[in-house]
Amino acid sequence: MMRVAIVLFGTVLLGATHSDAATIDNDRPGGTADYVRVKTVARDQDDKIVVTLEIDAGYHINANPATFDYLIPTTLNVTNLPPLRVSYPAPVRFKPKFVDEALNVYEGTVRITAEFAHGALSRNPYLFGTVTAQACTDVICLPPADLPLPHQ
């Protein structure tokens, strides 16, 4: 079977085969935001927020840190109130068809925690920002997206 480099939605899939290309559903290309959503931003009383992402079945996003430098890590960006620390969940290992090694990814429901200076959240009724993520399957990766934080 001949290996080729397939370019799909601006992403090069090295090592994909012609049979892999045949499985791509061009009738439903969509983008990352069609498969990954910021569901909630919950504040707690300890100057922390918990951002909950929902990832559709059959899709994953790269962990933070990403397995390889060329992968786009999932990243919480709060623009009006920089957090002191952002904690990402433990990844799961996933073996896609287009690389030889397993990747660290997130699937399903994911919670990212951000800690702020004492009292900072009480002085800022709204948080503005995004979660940068790139939705992938075992065959393709969609372009990355900046998913806006919902109004709290």
N, C-alpha and C. Protein backbone atom coordinates (compact mmCIF):
# COMPACT_ATOMS: atom_id res chain seq x y z
N MET A 1 0.85 -1.17 0.00
CA MET A 1 0.00 0.00 0.00
C MET A 1 0.89 1.23 0.00
N MET A 2 0.61 2.19 -0.83
CA MET A 2 1.44 3.38 -0.96
C MET A 2 1.10 4.40 0.12
N ARG A 3 2.11 4.95 0.79
CA ARG A 3 1.93 6.00 1.79
C ARG A 3 2.02 7.35 1.11
N VAL A 4 1.17 8.28 1.52
CA VAL A 4 1.14 9.61 0.93
C VAL A 4 1.01 10.63 2.05
N ALA A 5 1.21 11.88 1.71
CA ALA A 5 0.93 12.98 2.62
C ALA A 5 -0.37 13.61 2.15
N ILE A 6 -1.38 13.56 2.98
CA ILE A 6 -2.69 14.12 2.64
C ILE A 6 -2.83 15.45 3.34
N VAL A 7 -3.27 16.47 2.64
CA VAL A 7 -3.54 17.75 3.26
C VAL A 7 -5.06 17.88 3.38
N LEU A 8 -5.53 18.00 4.61
CA LEU A 8 -6.96 18.08 4.86
C LEU A 8 -7.21 19.22 5.82
N PHE A 9 -8.01 20.16 5.45
CA PHE A 9 -8.34 21.31 6.28
C PHE A 9 -7.07 22.02 6.75
N GLY A 10 -6.06 22.07 5.89
CA GLY A 10 -4.83 22.77 6.21
C GLY A 10 -3.87 21.98 7.08
N THR A 11 -4.19 20.73 7.38
CA THR A 11 -3.32 19.90 8.21
C THR A 11 -2.74 18.77 7.37
N VAL A 12 -1.44 18.59 7.46
CA VAL A 12 -0.79 17.53 6.70
C VAL A 12 -0.83 16.25 7.53
N LEU A 13 -1.34 15.20 6.92
CA LEU A 13 -1.38 13.91 7.59
C LEU A 13 -0.29 13.04 6.98
N LEU A 14 0.86 13.02 7.59
CA LEU A 14 1.98 12.25 7.07
C LEU A 14 1.73 10.77 7.30
N GLY A 15 2.00 10.00 6.30
CA GLY A 15 1.88 8.56 6.43
C GLY A 15 0.48 8.03 6.24
N ALA A 16 -0.48 8.88 5.89
CA ALA A 16 -1.83 8.39 5.64
C ALA A 16 -1.83 7.57 4.36
N THR A 17 -2.72 6.64 4.26
CA THR A 17 -2.81 5.81 3.06
C THR A 17 -3.99 6.24 2.22
N HIS A 18 -4.03 5.77 0.97
CA HIS A 18 -5.16 6.08 0.12
C HIS A 18 -6.46 5.59 0.74
N SER A 19 -6.44 4.45 1.41
CA SER A 19 -7.66 3.94 2.04
C SER A 19 -8.10 4.86 3.19
N ASP A 20 -7.14 5.49 3.90
CA ASP A 20 -7.50 6.45 4.94
C ASP A 20 -8.23 7.64 4.33
N ALA A 21 -7.74 8.11 3.20
CA ALA A 21 -8.36 9.26 2.54
C ALA A 21 -9.78 8.95 2.14
N ALA A 22 -10.06 7.70 1.81
CA ALA A 22 -11.41 7.34 1.39
C ALA A 22 -12.39 7.37 2.54
N THR A 23 -11.91 7.30 3.80
CA THR A 23 -12.82 7.29 4.94
C THR A 23 -13.20 8.69 5.40
N ILE A 24 -12.59 9.73 4.86
CA ILE A 24 -12.87 11.09 5.29
C ILE A 24 -14.23 11.51 4.78
N ASP A 25 -15.07 12.02 5.67
CA ASP A 25 -16.43 12.44 5.34
C ASP A 25 -16.42 13.90 4.94
N ASN A 26 -16.29 14.18 3.67
CA ASN A 26 -16.25 15.56 3.20
C ASN A 26 -17.60 16.25 3.28
N ASP A 27 -18.68 15.49 3.52
CA ASP A 27 -19.99 16.10 3.69
C ASP A 27 -20.15 16.72 5.07
N ARG A 28 -19.28 16.36 6.00
CA ARG A 28 -19.34 16.89 7.37
C ARG A 28 -17.96 17.32 7.84
N PRO A 29 -17.33 18.23 7.10
CA PRO A 29 -15.97 18.59 7.52
C PRO A 29 -15.95 19.37 8.82
N GLY A 30 -16.74 20.44 8.91
CA GLY A 30 -16.78 21.22 10.13
C GLY A 30 -15.42 21.68 10.58
N GLY A 31 -15.36 22.12 11.80
CA GLY A 31 -14.11 22.56 12.41
C GLY A 31 -14.10 22.12 13.85
N THR A 32 -13.04 22.44 14.53
CA THR A 32 -12.88 22.04 15.92
C THR A 32 -14.08 22.44 16.77
N ALA A 33 -14.61 23.64 16.57
CA ALA A 33 -15.75 24.12 17.37
C ALA A 33 -17.01 23.30 17.16
N ASP A 34 -17.08 22.51 16.11
CA ASP A 34 -18.23 21.63 15.90
C ASP A 34 -18.15 20.37 16.76
N TYR A 35 -16.99 20.07 17.34
CA TYR A 35 -16.78 18.83 18.07
C TYR A 35 -16.28 19.03 19.49
N VAL A 36 -15.86 20.26 19.81
CA VAL A 36 -15.34 20.58 21.14
C VAL A 36 -16.02 21.86 21.61
N ARG A 37 -16.55 21.83 22.84
CA ARG A 37 -17.24 23.00 23.37
C ARG A 37 -16.77 23.33 24.79
N VAL A 38 -16.73 24.63 25.10
CA VAL A 38 -16.53 25.06 26.48
C VAL A 38 -17.92 25.07 27.09
N LYS A 39 -18.19 24.11 27.94
CA LYS A 39 -19.54 23.96 28.51
C LYS A 39 -19.79 24.94 29.65
N THR A 40 -18.86 24.99 30.61
CA THR A 40 -19.06 25.87 31.76
C THR A 40 -17.74 26.46 32.24
N VAL A 41 -17.87 27.58 32.95
CA VAL A 41 -16.77 28.15 33.72
C VAL A 41 -17.33 28.35 35.12
N ALA A 42 -16.89 27.53 36.06
CA ALA A 42 -17.40 27.59 37.43
C ALA A 42 -16.37 28.24 38.33
N ARG A 43 -16.83 29.20 39.13
CA ARG A 43 -15.96 29.86 40.11
C ARG A 43 -16.14 29.17 41.45
N ASP A 44 -15.06 29.09 42.23
CA ASP A 44 -15.22 28.61 43.59
C ASP A 44 -14.77 29.71 44.55
N GLN A 45 -14.86 29.45 45.81
CA GLN A 45 -14.55 30.49 46.81
C GLN A 45 -13.06 30.59 47.11
N ASP A 46 -12.24 29.80 46.46
CA ASP A 46 -10.81 29.80 46.72
C ASP A 46 -10.02 30.45 45.59
N ASP A 47 -10.63 31.42 44.91
CA ASP A 47 -9.94 32.13 43.83
C ASP A 47 -9.52 31.20 42.70
N LYS A 48 -10.38 30.24 42.39
CA LYS A 48 -10.14 29.31 41.30
C LYS A 48 -11.35 29.28 40.38
N ILE A 49 -11.09 28.92 39.14
CA ILE A 49 -12.17 28.60 38.21
C ILE A 49 -11.91 27.20 37.66
N VAL A 50 -12.98 26.55 37.26
CA VAL A 50 -12.88 25.26 36.59
C VAL A 50 -13.60 25.40 35.25
N VAL A 51 -12.85 25.23 34.18
CA VAL A 51 -13.39 25.30 32.83
C VAL A 51 -13.65 23.87 32.38
N THR A 52 -14.90 23.59 32.01
CA THR A 52 -15.27 22.24 31.58
C THR A 52 -15.46 22.22 30.08
N LEU A 53 -14.72 21.33 29.43
CA LEU A 53 -14.83 21.12 27.98
C LEU A 53 -15.58 19.82 27.74
N GLU A 54 -16.35 19.79 26.66
CA GLU A 54 -16.97 18.55 26.21
C GLU A 54 -16.48 18.25 24.81
N ILE A 55 -15.97 17.04 24.62
CA ILE A 55 -15.42 16.61 23.34
C ILE A 55 -16.30 15.47 22.83
N ASP A 56 -16.78 15.61 21.61
CA ASP A 56 -17.65 14.59 21.03
C ASP A 56 -16.95 13.24 20.93
N ALA A 57 -17.74 12.17 21.03
CA ALA A 57 -17.23 10.81 20.90
C ALA A 57 -16.55 10.67 19.54
N GLY A 58 -15.42 9.97 19.53
CA GLY A 58 -14.67 9.75 18.30
C GLY A 58 -13.64 10.83 18.03
N TYR A 59 -13.62 11.88 18.85
CA TYR A 59 -12.66 12.98 18.71
C TYR A 59 -11.83 13.08 19.98
N HIS A 60 -10.67 13.68 19.85
CA HIS A 60 -9.81 13.99 20.99
C HIS A 60 -9.13 15.32 20.71
N ILE A 61 -8.51 15.89 21.73
CA ILE A 61 -7.70 17.10 21.60
C ILE A 61 -6.36 16.81 22.27
N ASN A 62 -5.32 17.52 21.86
CA ASN A 62 -4.00 17.28 22.44
C ASN A 62 -3.95 17.73 23.89
N ALA A 63 -3.21 16.99 24.68
CA ALA A 63 -3.01 17.34 26.09
C ALA A 63 -2.09 18.56 26.18
N ASN A 64 -1.98 19.09 27.40
CA ASN A 64 -1.03 20.15 27.69
C ASN A 64 -0.14 19.64 28.82
N PRO A 65 1.14 19.41 28.55
CA PRO A 65 1.84 19.68 27.29
C PRO A 65 1.51 18.62 26.23
N ALA A 66 1.65 19.04 24.97
CA ALA A 66 1.44 18.12 23.85
C ALA A 66 2.59 17.13 23.78
N THR A 67 2.34 15.99 23.19
CA THR A 67 3.35 14.93 23.10
C THR A 67 4.57 15.36 22.29
N PHE A 68 4.34 16.07 21.18
CA PHE A 68 5.42 16.53 20.31
C PHE A 68 5.32 18.03 20.13
N ASP A 69 6.46 18.68 19.85
CA ASP A 69 6.50 20.13 19.68
C ASP A 69 5.62 20.61 18.54
N TYR A 70 5.42 19.80 17.50
CA TYR A 70 4.64 20.24 16.35
C TYR A 70 3.12 20.12 16.58
N LEU A 71 2.70 19.51 17.68
CA LEU A 71 1.28 19.41 18.00
C LEU A 71 0.82 20.64 18.78
N ILE A 72 -0.44 20.99 18.64
CA ILE A 72 -1.00 22.17 19.30
C ILE A 72 -1.60 21.74 20.63
N PRO A 73 -1.03 22.19 21.75
CA PRO A 73 -1.58 21.79 23.05
C PRO A 73 -2.89 22.52 23.33
N THR A 74 -3.74 21.90 24.11
CA THR A 74 -4.94 22.57 24.59
C THR A 74 -4.49 23.60 25.62
N THR A 75 -4.94 24.85 25.46
CA THR A 75 -4.43 25.93 26.30
C THR A 75 -5.56 26.85 26.72
N LEU A 76 -5.65 27.11 28.03
CA LEU A 76 -6.59 28.10 28.57
C LEU A 76 -5.92 29.46 28.53
N ASN A 77 -6.60 30.44 27.94
CA ASN A 77 -6.10 31.81 27.84
C ASN A 77 -7.13 32.75 28.46
N VAL A 78 -6.83 33.33 29.62
CA VAL A 78 -7.71 34.32 30.23
C VAL A 78 -7.07 35.67 29.97
N THR A 79 -7.74 36.52 29.20
CA THR A 79 -7.10 37.74 28.72
C THR A 79 -7.22 38.92 29.68
N ASN A 80 -8.29 39.02 30.46
CA ASN A 80 -8.44 40.20 31.31
C ASN A 80 -7.96 39.99 32.74
N LEU A 81 -7.59 38.77 33.09
CA LEU A 81 -7.11 38.48 34.44
C LEU A 81 -6.20 37.27 34.38
N PRO A 82 -4.92 37.50 34.11
CA PRO A 82 -4.01 36.35 33.96
C PRO A 82 -3.96 35.50 35.23
N PRO A 83 -4.14 34.19 35.09
CA PRO A 83 -4.07 33.32 36.25
C PRO A 83 -2.65 33.17 36.76
N LEU A 84 -2.53 32.86 38.04
CA LEU A 84 -1.23 32.55 38.62
C LEU A 84 -0.74 31.19 38.16
N ARG A 85 -1.70 30.25 38.01
CA ARG A 85 -1.36 28.89 37.65
C ARG A 85 -2.55 28.26 36.93
N VAL A 86 -2.26 27.48 35.91
CA VAL A 86 -3.29 26.71 35.21
C VAL A 86 -2.90 25.23 35.34
N SER A 87 -3.85 24.42 35.78
CA SER A 87 -3.61 22.98 35.95
C SER A 87 -4.46 22.22 34.94
N TYR A 88 -3.79 21.40 34.16
CA TYR A 88 -4.46 20.59 33.15
C TYR A 88 -4.59 19.17 33.67
N PRO A 89 -5.64 18.46 33.25
CA PRO A 89 -5.84 17.10 33.76
C PRO A 89 -4.80 16.12 33.22
N ALA A 90 -4.75 14.96 33.84
CA ALA A 90 -3.88 13.89 33.34
C ALA A 90 -4.40 13.44 31.98
N PRO A 91 -3.52 13.22 31.03
CA PRO A 91 -3.96 12.80 29.70
C PRO A 91 -4.25 11.30 29.65
N VAL A 92 -4.88 10.91 28.56
CA VAL A 92 -5.00 9.49 28.23
C VAL A 92 -4.10 9.24 27.03
N ARG A 93 -3.66 8.01 26.88
CA ARG A 93 -2.81 7.66 25.73
C ARG A 93 -3.72 7.23 24.58
N PHE A 94 -3.39 7.70 23.37
CA PHE A 94 -4.21 7.41 22.19
C PHE A 94 -3.28 7.14 21.02
N LYS A 95 -3.53 6.09 20.27
CA LYS A 95 -2.69 5.73 19.12
C LYS A 95 -3.48 5.98 17.82
N PRO A 96 -3.24 7.14 17.18
CA PRO A 96 -3.89 7.40 15.89
C PRO A 96 -3.20 6.63 14.78
N LYS A 97 -3.86 6.55 13.63
CA LYS A 97 -3.31 5.82 12.50
C LYS A 97 -2.15 6.54 11.82
N PHE A 98 -2.03 7.85 12.04
CA PHE A 98 -1.06 8.61 11.25
C PHE A 98 0.28 8.86 11.93
N VAL A 99 0.51 8.29 13.13
CA VAL A 99 1.84 8.37 13.76
C VAL A 99 2.18 7.01 14.36
N ASP A 100 3.47 6.77 14.56
CA ASP A 100 3.92 5.49 15.08
C ASP A 100 3.79 5.37 16.60
N GLU A 101 3.76 6.50 17.29
CA GLU A 101 3.72 6.49 18.75
C GLU A 101 2.36 6.94 19.26
N ALA A 102 2.01 6.52 20.46
CA ALA A 102 0.78 6.98 21.10
C ALA A 102 0.95 8.44 21.52
N LEU A 103 -0.15 9.16 21.55
CA LEU A 103 -0.16 10.58 21.91
C LEU A 103 -0.87 10.77 23.24
N ASN A 104 -0.51 11.83 23.95
CA ASN A 104 -1.23 12.24 25.15
C ASN A 104 -2.37 13.15 24.71
N VAL A 105 -3.60 12.75 25.03
CA VAL A 105 -4.77 13.50 24.58
C VAL A 105 -5.81 13.59 25.69
N TYR A 106 -6.84 14.39 25.41
CA TYR A 106 -8.03 14.46 26.26
C TYR A 106 -9.21 14.00 25.42
N GLU A 107 -10.13 13.29 26.08
CA GLU A 107 -11.35 12.82 25.44
C GLU A 107 -12.51 13.03 26.40
N GLY A 108 -13.72 13.09 25.86
CA GLY A 108 -14.91 13.17 26.71
C GLY A 108 -15.04 14.51 27.42
N THR A 109 -15.21 14.47 28.74
CA THR A 109 -15.33 15.69 29.55
C THR A 109 -13.99 15.98 30.19
N VAL A 110 -13.54 17.22 30.04
CA VAL A 110 -12.21 17.63 30.53
C VAL A 110 -12.39 18.86 31.41
N ARG A 111 -11.69 18.88 32.53
CA ARG A 111 -11.74 20.04 33.43
C ARG A 111 -10.34 20.65 33.59
N ILE A 112 -10.27 21.94 33.31
CA ILE A 112 -9.03 22.71 33.45
C ILE A 112 -9.23 23.69 34.60
N THR A 113 -8.28 23.74 35.53
CA THR A 113 -8.40 24.61 36.69
C THR A 113 -7.40 25.76 36.59
N ALA A 114 -7.88 26.96 36.88
CA ALA A 114 -7.00 28.14 36.91
C ALA A 114 -7.10 28.79 38.28
N GLU A 115 -5.94 29.14 38.84
CA GLU A 115 -5.89 29.80 40.15
C GLU A 115 -5.48 31.25 39.96
N PHE A 116 -6.13 32.14 40.73
CA PHE A 116 -5.89 33.58 40.63
C PHE A 116 -5.44 34.13 41.97
N ALA A 117 -4.90 35.34 41.94
CA ALA A 117 -4.48 36.01 43.17
C ALA A 117 -5.68 36.16 44.10
N HIS A 118 -5.40 36.17 45.41
CA HIS A 118 -6.46 36.28 46.42
C HIS A 118 -7.34 37.51 46.15
N GLY A 119 -8.64 37.26 46.03
CA GLY A 119 -9.61 38.35 45.82
C GLY A 119 -9.77 38.81 44.39
N ALA A 120 -8.95 38.33 43.48
CA ALA A 120 -9.00 38.80 42.10
C ALA A 120 -10.33 38.47 41.42
N LEU A 121 -10.86 37.30 41.67
CA LEU A 121 -12.13 36.93 41.03
C LEU A 121 -13.30 37.76 41.55
N SER A 122 -13.29 38.11 42.83
CA SER A 122 -14.38 38.92 43.38
C SER A 122 -14.37 40.33 42.82
N ARG A 123 -13.21 40.81 42.40
CA ARG A 123 -13.12 42.16 41.80
C ARG A 123 -13.39 42.15 40.30
N ASN A 124 -13.48 40.99 39.69
CA ASN A 124 -13.71 40.87 38.25
C ASN A 124 -14.94 40.00 38.00
N PRO A 125 -16.09 40.62 37.78
CA PRO A 125 -17.30 39.83 37.60
C PRO A 125 -17.30 38.99 36.32
N TYR A 126 -16.52 39.39 35.33
CA TYR A 126 -16.48 38.66 34.07
C TYR A 126 -15.05 38.27 33.72
N LEU A 127 -14.91 37.08 33.18
CA LEU A 127 -13.62 36.64 32.66
C LEU A 127 -13.75 36.52 31.15
N PHE A 128 -12.75 37.01 30.47
CA PHE A 128 -12.73 36.94 29.02
C PHE A 128 -11.53 36.11 28.59
N GLY A 129 -11.74 35.30 27.57
CA GLY A 129 -10.65 34.49 27.08
C GLY A 129 -11.13 33.37 26.20
N THR A 130 -10.23 32.43 25.97
CA THR A 130 -10.51 31.32 25.07
C THR A 130 -9.81 30.06 25.58
N VAL A 131 -10.23 28.95 25.00
CA VAL A 131 -9.49 27.70 25.11
C VAL A 131 -9.07 27.36 23.69
N THR A 132 -7.77 27.26 23.47
CA THR A 132 -7.26 26.86 22.16
C THR A 132 -7.20 25.33 22.14
N ALA A 133 -7.79 24.75 21.11
CA ALA A 133 -7.82 23.28 20.99
C ALA A 133 -7.84 22.90 19.52
N GLN A 134 -7.45 21.66 19.25
CA GLN A 134 -7.50 21.11 17.90
C GLN A 134 -8.14 19.73 17.98
N ALA A 135 -9.31 19.60 17.35
CA ALA A 135 -10.02 18.32 17.35
C ALA A 135 -9.42 17.39 16.30
N CYS A 136 -9.24 16.13 16.70
CA CYS A 136 -8.71 15.11 15.79
C CYS A 136 -9.48 13.82 15.99
N THR A 137 -9.42 12.96 14.98
CA THR A 137 -9.89 11.59 15.09
C THR A 137 -8.67 10.70 14.99
N ASP A 138 -8.86 9.42 14.78
CA ASP A 138 -7.70 8.54 14.59
C ASP A 138 -7.11 8.67 13.20
N VAL A 139 -7.76 9.46 12.32
CA VAL A 139 -7.31 9.61 10.94
C VAL A 139 -6.99 11.04 10.56
N ILE A 140 -7.76 12.01 11.06
CA ILE A 140 -7.59 13.40 10.62
C ILE A 140 -7.50 14.36 11.81
N CYS A 141 -6.93 15.53 11.54
CA CYS A 141 -6.96 16.64 12.49
C CYS A 141 -7.58 17.84 11.79
N LEU A 142 -8.50 18.49 12.48
CA LEU A 142 -9.14 19.69 11.96
C LEU A 142 -8.29 20.90 12.33
N PRO A 143 -8.52 22.05 11.71
CA PRO A 143 -7.77 23.24 12.11
C PRO A 143 -8.05 23.57 13.57
N PRO A 144 -7.07 24.11 14.27
CA PRO A 144 -7.28 24.50 15.67
C PRO A 144 -8.28 25.66 15.74
N ALA A 145 -8.88 25.84 16.91
CA ALA A 145 -9.84 26.92 17.12
C ALA A 145 -9.62 27.53 18.49
N ASP A 146 -9.98 28.79 18.60
CA ASP A 146 -10.01 29.48 19.89
C ASP A 146 -11.47 29.52 20.32
N LEU A 147 -11.82 28.68 21.28
CA LEU A 147 -13.20 28.55 21.75
C LEU A 147 -13.43 29.56 22.87
N PRO A 148 -14.39 30.48 22.70
CA PRO A 148 -14.57 31.53 23.71
C PRO A 148 -15.12 30.99 25.02
N LEU A 149 -14.68 31.60 26.12
CA LEU A 149 -15.25 31.28 27.42
C LEU A 149 -16.65 31.85 27.46
N PRO A 150 -17.63 31.09 27.97
CA PRO A 150 -18.99 31.62 28.05
C PRO A 150 -19.06 32.70 29.13
N HIS A 151 -20.05 33.58 28.99
CA HIS A 151 -20.24 34.61 30.02
C HIS A 151 -20.70 33.95 31.30
N GLN A 152 -20.09 34.34 32.41
CA GLN A 152 -20.42 33.73 33.69
C GLN A 152 -21.48 34.56 34.38
